[in-house]
C-alpha atoms as a PDB file:
ATOM      1  CA  UNK A   1      56.719 -24.510  22.018  1.00  0.00           C
ATOM      2  CA  UNK A   2      60.354 -24.076  22.978  1.00  0.00           C
ATOM      3  CA  UNK A   3      61.540 -20.791  24.402  1.00  0.00           C
ATOM      4  CA  UNK A   4      64.308 -19.038  22.444  1.00  0.00           C
ATOM      5  CA  UNK A   5      67.146 -20.262  24.650  1.00  0.00           C
ATOM      6  CA  UNK A   6      70.380 -21.665  23.286  1.00  0.00           C
ATOM      7  CA  UNK A   7      70.295 -24.579  25.726  1.00  0.00           C
ATOM      8  CA  UNK A   8      68.947 -25.741  29.071  1.00  0.00           C
ATOM      9  CA  UNK A   9      71.983 -24.243  30.812  1.00  0.00           C
ATOM     10  CA  UNK A  10      70.092 -21.324  32.372  1.00  0.00           C
ATOM     11  CA  UNK A  11      67.495 -23.652  33.845  1.00  0.00           C
ATOM     12  CA  UNK A  12      70.210 -25.933  35.236  1.00  0.00           C
ATOM     13  CA  UNK A  13      72.191 -23.022  36.692  1.00  0.00           C
ATOM     14  CA  UNK A  14      69.055 -21.745  38.425  1.00  0.00           C
ATOM     15  CA  UNK A  15      68.163 -25.209  39.700  1.00  0.00           C
ATOM     16  CA  UNK A  16      71.705 -25.857  40.935  1.00  0.00           C
ATOM     17  CA  UNK A  17      71.587 -22.570  42.828  1.00  0.00           C
ATOM     18  CA  UNK A  18      68.355 -23.574  44.551  1.00  0.00           C
ATOM     19  CA  UNK A  19      69.755 -26.974  45.502  1.00  0.00           C
ATOM     20  CA  UNK A  20      72.916 -25.359  46.909  1.00  0.00           C
ATOM     21  CA  UNK A  21      70.959 -22.855  48.989  1.00  0.00           C
ATOM     22  CA  UNK A  22      68.597 -25.510  50.345  1.00  0.00           C
ATOM     23  CA  UNK A  23      71.482 -27.741  51.422  1.00  0.00           C
ATOM     24  CA  UNK A  24      73.161 -24.771  53.124  1.00  0.00           C
ATOM     25  CA  UNK A  25      69.971 -23.845  54.986  1.00  0.00           C
ATOM     26  CA  UNK A  26      69.773 -27.325  56.499  1.00  0.00           C
ATOM     27  CA  UNK A  27      72.765 -26.831  58.791  1.00  0.00           C
ATOM     28  CA  UNK A  28      71.338 -23.542  60.087  1.00  0.00           C
ATOM     29  CA  UNK A  29      68.579 -25.555  61.760  1.00  0.00           C
ATOM     30  CA  UNK A  30      71.116 -27.145  64.137  1.00  0.00           C
ATOM     31  CA  UNK A  31      71.262 -24.904  67.200  1.00  0.00           C
ATOM     32  CA  UNK A  32      73.983 -24.871  69.832  1.00  0.00           C
ATOM     33  CA  UNK A  33      72.836 -26.364  73.159  1.00  0.00           C
ATOM     34  CA  UNK A  34      71.663 -23.781  75.696  1.00  0.00           C
ATOM     35  CA  UNK A  35      73.600 -24.726  78.837  1.00  0.00           C
ATOM     36  CA  UNK A  36      74.860 -21.383  80.092  1.00  0.00           C
ATOM     37  CA  UNK A  37      78.298 -19.847  79.852  1.00  0.00           C
ATOM     38  CA  UNK A  38      79.442 -21.232  83.222  1.00  0.00           C
ATOM     39  CA  UNK A  39      78.567 -24.848  82.446  1.00  0.00           C
ATOM     40  CA  UNK A  40      81.275 -27.490  82.700  1.00  0.00           C
ATOM     41  CA  UNK A  41      82.689 -29.206  79.573  1.00  0.00           C
ATOM     42  CA  UNK A  42      80.807 -32.383  80.430  1.00  0.00           C
ATOM     43  CA  UNK A  43      77.529 -30.478  80.269  1.00  0.00           C
ATOM     44  CA  UNK A  44      78.414 -29.157  76.824  1.00  0.00           C
ATOM     45  CA  UNK A  45      79.308 -32.646  75.577  1.00  0.00           C
ATOM     46  CA  UNK A  46      76.030 -33.942  76.978  1.00  0.00           C
ATOM     47  CA  UNK A  47      74.133 -31.124  75.284  1.00  0.00           C
ATOM     48  CA  UNK A  48      75.853 -31.809  71.983  1.00  0.00           C
ATOM     49  CA  UNK A  49      75.041 -35.495  72.270  1.00  0.00           C
ATOM     50  CA  UNK A  50      71.403 -34.699  72.965  1.00  0.00           C
ATOM     51  CA  UNK A  51      71.206 -33.063  69.540  1.00  0.00           C
ATOM     52  CA  UNK A  52      71.431 -36.446  67.789  1.00  0.00           C
ATOM     53  CA  UNK A  53      67.952 -36.028  66.201  1.00  0.00           C
ATOM     54  CA  UNK A  54      69.218 -32.843  64.555  1.00  0.00           C
ATOM     55  CA  UNK A  55      72.343 -34.592  63.263  1.00  0.00           C
ATOM     56  CA  UNK A  56      70.256 -37.463  61.931  1.00  0.00           C
ATOM     57  CA  UNK A  57      67.699 -35.166  60.317  1.00  0.00           C
ATOM     58  CA  UNK A  58      70.449 -33.089  58.709  1.00  0.00           C
ATOM     59  CA  UNK A  59      72.324 -36.117  57.364  1.00  0.00           C
ATOM     60  CA  UNK A  60      69.271 -37.851  55.915  1.00  0.00           C
ATOM     61  CA  UNK A  61      67.780 -34.723  54.344  1.00  0.00           C
ATOM     62  CA  UNK A  62      71.176 -33.688  52.950  1.00  0.00           C
ATOM     63  CA  UNK A  63      71.415 -37.135  51.369  1.00  0.00           C
ATOM     64  CA  UNK A  64      67.868 -36.830  50.051  1.00  0.00           C
ATOM     65  CA  UNK A  65      68.552 -33.491  48.400  1.00  0.00           C
ATOM     66  CA  UNK A  66      71.891 -34.681  47.014  1.00  0.00           C
ATOM     67  CA  UNK A  67      70.242 -37.704  45.409  1.00  0.00           C
ATOM     68  CA  UNK A  68      67.402 -35.522  44.103  1.00  0.00           C
ATOM     69  CA  UNK A  69      70.002 -33.219  42.522  1.00  0.00           C
ATOM     70  CA  UNK A  70      71.742 -36.182  40.863  1.00  0.00           C
ATOM     71  CA  UNK A  71      68.411 -37.420  39.519  1.00  0.00           C
ATOM     72  CA  UNK A  72      67.536 -33.917  38.335  1.00  0.00           C
ATOM     73  CA  UNK A  73      70.836 -33.733  36.457  1.00  0.00           C
ATOM     74  CA  UNK A  74      70.122 -37.039  34.721  1.00  0.00           C
ATOM     75  CA  UNK A  75      66.630 -35.935  33.720  1.00  0.00           C
ATOM     76  CA  UNK A  76      67.728 -32.530  32.441  1.00  0.00           C
ATOM     77  CA  UNK A  77      70.498 -34.163  30.385  1.00  0.00           C
ATOM     78  CA  UNK A  78      67.741 -35.230  27.982  1.00  0.00           C
ATOM     79  CA  UNK A  79      66.691 -31.633  27.329  1.00  0.00           C
ATOM     80  CA  UNK A  80      67.869 -29.484  24.438  1.00  0.00           C
ATOM     81  CA  UNK A  81      65.835 -26.306  24.320  1.00  0.00           C
ATOM     82  CA  UNK A  82      63.561 -25.657  27.261  1.00  0.00           C
ATOM     83  CA  UNK A  83      59.790 -25.482  26.887  1.00  0.00           C
ATOM     84  CA  UNK A  84      57.577 -23.424  29.146  1.00  0.00           C
ATOM     85  CA  UNK A  85      55.987 -26.628  30.426  1.00  0.00           C
ATOM     86  CA  UNK A  86      59.321 -28.047  31.538  1.00  0.00           C
ATOM     87  CA  UNK A  87      60.271 -24.756  33.189  1.00  0.00           C
ATOM     88  CA  UNK A  88      57.035 -24.612  35.171  1.00  0.00           C
ATOM     89  CA  UNK A  89      57.144 -28.234  36.307  1.00  0.00           C
ATOM     90  CA  UNK A  90      60.801 -27.812  37.225  1.00  0.00           C
ATOM     91  CA  UNK A  91      59.807 -24.783  39.286  1.00  0.00           C
ATOM     92  CA  UNK A  92      57.184 -26.808  41.144  1.00  0.00           C
ATOM     93  CA  UNK A  93      59.761 -29.493  41.866  1.00  0.00           C
ATOM     94  CA  UNK A  94      62.193 -26.909  43.248  1.00  0.00           C
ATOM     95  CA  UNK A  95      59.372 -25.378  45.303  1.00  0.00           C
ATOM     96  CA  UNK A  96      58.917 -28.668  47.127  1.00  0.00           C
ATOM     97  CA  UNK A  97      62.635 -29.367  47.446  1.00  0.00           C
ATOM     98  CA  UNK A  98      63.240 -25.923  48.963  1.00  0.00           C
ATOM     99  CA  UNK A  99      60.501 -26.609  51.540  1.00  0.00           C
ATOM    100  CA  UNK A 100      62.293 -29.656  52.983  1.00  0.00           C
ATOM    101  CA  UNK A 101      64.417 -27.788  55.585  1.00  0.00           C
ATOM    102  CA  UNK A 102      61.213 -26.938  57.460  1.00  0.00           C
ATOM    103  CA  UNK A 103      59.876 -30.491  57.972  1.00  0.00           C
ATOM    104  CA  UNK A 104      63.485 -31.486  58.728  1.00  0.00           C
ATOM    105  CA  UNK A 105      63.559 -29.000  61.602  1.00  0.00           C
ATOM    106  CA  UNK A 106      60.178 -30.283  62.808  1.00  0.00           C
ATOM    107  CA  UNK A 107      61.481 -33.870  62.926  1.00  0.00           C
ATOM    108  CA  UNK A 108      64.681 -32.783  64.682  1.00  0.00           C
ATOM    109  CA  UNK A 109      62.644 -30.950  67.314  1.00  0.00           C
ATOM    110  CA  UNK A 110      59.949 -33.543  67.985  1.00  0.00           C
ATOM    111  CA  UNK A 111      61.519 -36.934  67.187  1.00  0.00           C
ATOM    112  CA  UNK A 112      61.930 -37.688  70.907  1.00  0.00           C
ATOM    113  CA  UNK A 113      58.550 -36.296  71.956  1.00  0.00           C
ATOM    114  CA  UNK A 114      55.015 -37.650  72.080  1.00  0.00           C
ATOM    115  CA  UNK A 115      54.438 -35.887  68.755  1.00  0.00           C
ATOM    116  CA  UNK A 116      57.150 -37.880  66.978  1.00  0.00           C
ATOM    117  CA  UNK A 117      54.642 -39.780  64.835  1.00  0.00           C
ATOM    118  CA  UNK A 118      53.038 -36.548  63.622  1.00  0.00           C
ATOM    119  CA  UNK A 119      56.449 -35.022  62.858  1.00  0.00           C
ATOM    120  CA  UNK A 120      57.562 -38.082  60.877  1.00  0.00           C
ATOM    121  CA  UNK A 121      54.251 -38.228  59.004  1.00  0.00           C
ATOM    122  CA  UNK A 122      54.556 -34.531  58.145  1.00  0.00           C
ATOM    123  CA  UNK A 123      58.067 -35.155  56.803  1.00  0.00           C
ATOM    124  CA  UNK A 124      56.827 -38.079  54.694  1.00  0.00           C
ATOM    125  CA  UNK A 125      53.976 -35.994  53.254  1.00  0.00           C
ATOM    126  CA  UNK A 126      56.354 -33.137  52.418  1.00  0.00           C
ATOM    127  CA  UNK A 127      58.461 -35.628  50.502  1.00  0.00           C
ATOM    128  CA  UNK A 128      55.302 -36.932  48.841  1.00  0.00           C
ATOM    129  CA  UNK A 129      54.805 -33.582  47.132  1.00  0.00           C
ATOM    130  CA  UNK A 130      58.475 -33.547  46.108  1.00  0.00           C
ATOM    131  CA  UNK A 131      58.044 -37.042  44.674  1.00  0.00           C
ATOM    132  CA  UNK A 132      54.878 -36.015  42.809  1.00  0.00           C
ATOM    133  CA  UNK A 133      56.572 -33.039  41.182  1.00  0.00           C
ATOM    134  CA  UNK A 134      59.666 -35.119  40.420  1.00  0.00           C
ATOM    135  CA  UNK A 135      57.402 -37.590  38.635  1.00  0.00           C
ATOM    136  CA  UNK A 136      55.799 -34.683  36.790  1.00  0.00           C
ATOM    137  CA  UNK A 137      59.193 -33.374  35.707  1.00  0.00           C
ATOM    138  CA  UNK A 138      60.203 -36.750  34.296  1.00  0.00           C
ATOM    139  CA  UNK A 139      56.909 -36.979  32.405  1.00  0.00           C
ATOM    140  CA  UNK A 140      57.186 -33.410  31.093  1.00  0.00           C
ATOM    141  CA  UNK A 141      60.734 -33.991  29.807  1.00  0.00           C
ATOM    142  CA  UNK A 142      59.748 -37.250  28.112  1.00  0.00           C
ATOM    143  CA  UNK A 143      56.736 -35.571  26.498  1.00  0.00           C
ATOM    144  CA  UNK A 144      59.083 -33.008  24.920  1.00  0.00           C
ATOM    145  CA  UNK A 145      62.005 -35.375  24.313  1.00  0.00           C
ATOM    146  CA  UNK A 146      60.701 -38.944  23.856  1.00  0.00           C
ATOM    147  CA  UNK A 147      64.142 -40.026  22.637  1.00  0.00           C
ATOM    148  CA  UNK A 148      65.224 -39.977  26.271  1.00  0.00           C
ATOM    149  CA  UNK A 149      62.805 -42.771  27.220  1.00  0.00           C
ATOM    150  CA  UNK A 150      65.484 -45.463  27.247  1.00  0.00           C
ATOM    151  CA  UNK A 151      67.888 -43.421  29.391  1.00  0.00           C
ATOM    152  CA  UNK A 152      65.151 -42.570  31.898  1.00  0.00           C
ATOM    153  CA  UNK A 153      63.374 -45.933  31.943  1.00  0.00           C
ATOM    154  CA  UNK A 154      64.456 -46.922  35.457  1.00  0.00           C
ATOM    155  CA  UNK A 155      63.827 -43.538  37.012  1.00  0.00           C
ATOM    156  CA  UNK A 156      60.460 -43.203  35.233  1.00  0.00           C
ATOM    157  CA  UNK A 157      59.198 -46.545  36.522  1.00  0.00           C
ATOM    158  CA  UNK A 158      60.478 -46.024  40.040  1.00  0.00           C
ATOM    159  CA  UNK A 159      59.179 -42.461  40.251  1.00  0.00           C
ATOM    160  CA  UNK A 160      55.685 -43.930  40.002  1.00  0.00           C
ATOM    161  CA  UNK A 161      56.398 -46.141  43.026  1.00  0.00           C
ATOM    162  CA  UNK A 162      57.783 -43.238  45.051  1.00  0.00           C
ATOM    163  CA  UNK A 163      54.273 -41.884  45.573  1.00  0.00           C
ATOM    164  CA  UNK A 164      52.782 -44.908  47.398  1.00  0.00           C
ATOM    165  CA  UNK A 165      56.152 -45.294  49.166  1.00  0.00           C
ATOM    166  CA  UNK A 166      55.787 -41.839  50.760  1.00  0.00           C
ATOM    167  CA  UNK A 167      52.183 -42.583  51.674  1.00  0.00           C
ATOM    168  CA  UNK A 168      53.290 -45.835  53.297  1.00  0.00           C
ATOM    169  CA  UNK A 169      55.984 -43.961  55.233  1.00  0.00           C
ATOM    170  CA  UNK A 170      53.370 -41.505  56.494  1.00  0.00           C
ATOM    171  CA  UNK A 171      51.296 -44.445  57.770  1.00  0.00           C
ATOM    172  CA  UNK A 172      54.400 -46.157  59.178  1.00  0.00           C
ATOM    173  CA  UNK A 173      55.044 -43.082  61.307  1.00  0.00           C
ATOM    174  CA  UNK A 174      52.207 -44.192  63.553  1.00  0.00           C
ATOM    175  CA  UNK A 175      54.164 -47.352  64.418  1.00  0.00           C
ATOM    176  CA  UNK A 176      57.785 -46.194  64.260  1.00  0.00           C
ATOM    177  CA  UNK A 177      58.572 -42.526  63.552  1.00  0.00           C
ATOM    178  CA  UNK A 178      62.304 -43.207  63.285  1.00  0.00           C
ATOM    179  CA  UNK A 179      61.899 -46.037  60.753  1.00  0.00           C
ATOM    180  CA  UNK A 180      59.454 -43.910  58.773  1.00  0.00           C
ATOM    181  CA  UNK A 181      61.912 -41.021  58.673  1.00  0.00           C
ATOM    182  CA  UNK A 182      64.807 -43.198  57.519  1.00  0.00           C
ATOM    183  CA  UNK A 183      62.609 -44.944  54.941  1.00  0.00           C
ATOM    184  CA  UNK A 184      61.779 -41.648  53.248  1.00  0.00           C
ATOM    185  CA  UNK A 185      65.476 -40.937  52.675  1.00  0.00           C
ATOM    186  CA  UNK A 186      65.963 -44.517  51.473  1.00  0.00           C
ATOM    187  CA  UNK A 187      63.233 -43.936  48.897  1.00  0.00           C
ATOM    188  CA  UNK A 188      65.217 -41.185  47.180  1.00  0.00           C
ATOM    189  CA  UNK A 189      68.368 -43.311  47.107  1.00  0.00           C
ATOM    190  CA  UNK A 190      66.350 -46.211  45.661  1.00  0.00           C
ATOM    191  CA  UNK A 191      64.837 -43.855  43.098  1.00  0.00           C
ATOM    192  CA  UNK A 192      68.156 -42.648  41.697  1.00  0.00           C
ATOM    193  CA  UNK A 193      70.420 -45.631  42.372  1.00  0.00           C
ATOM    194  CA  UNK A 194      69.786 -47.435  39.049  1.00  0.00           C
ATOM    195  CA  UNK A 195      70.790 -44.271  37.214  1.00  0.00           C
ATOM    196  CA  UNK A 196      74.225 -43.890  38.813  1.00  0.00           C
ATOM    197  CA  UNK A 197      75.813 -46.223  36.301  1.00  0.00           C
ATOM    198  CA  UNK A 198      74.278 -44.511  33.284  1.00  0.00           C
ATOM    199  CA  UNK A 199      76.429 -41.952  31.471  1.00  0.00           C
ATOM    200  CA  UNK A 200      74.856 -38.527  31.187  1.00  0.00           C
ATOM    201  CA  UNK A 201      74.034 -37.921  27.560  1.00  0.00           C
ATOM    202  CA  UNK A 202      75.781 -34.910  26.073  1.00  0.00           C
ATOM    203  CA  UNK A 203      73.329 -32.601  24.398  1.00  0.00           C
ATOM    204  CA  UNK A 204      73.639 -32.363  20.668  1.00  0.00           C
ATOM    205  CA  UNK A 205      70.937 -29.780  20.143  1.00  0.00           C
ATOM    206  CA  UNK A 206      71.246 -25.999  20.576  1.00  0.00           C
END
């Protein structure tokens, strides 16, 4: 049963706000190097260079969230009025997306340590839950608006593959944490890439 809303605009505004806040929080996880106020410039440059795991983690997770937002926009373009089911599944998806800054900070902190494989696996599993709820959102929207099946065909098929992909990345972390970490971000790009050329359907309903 659809809620008495004129459109899906309120849901999209709320979702966009969450995405914007999550992306902003990512940069707050990059801390200035602690070298002391009397350190020479070379020490500061060395300290900044040593933060490369933080730069990498920020860049890849920013890209992940950006692609997830693009995919979310394409999915929500199929929605007229918003059902309670879609709102709840969308909330679960945002719950997992908003959690990503934490595993990002874990990877940035431990990528060069003996715990790198555990950090990368944790990041992959966090993305697994985001992928699961993304898949659920696509399914919930199509259940309410089956006319969007053609527009979401690529993303619907690939969202099913995103789940074993994340599981494989978690296992890959045991062999190469860095490759596992990069592969998770690549999964989101792969998930949304076929949709970039599709025009977003303008809603005709209320």
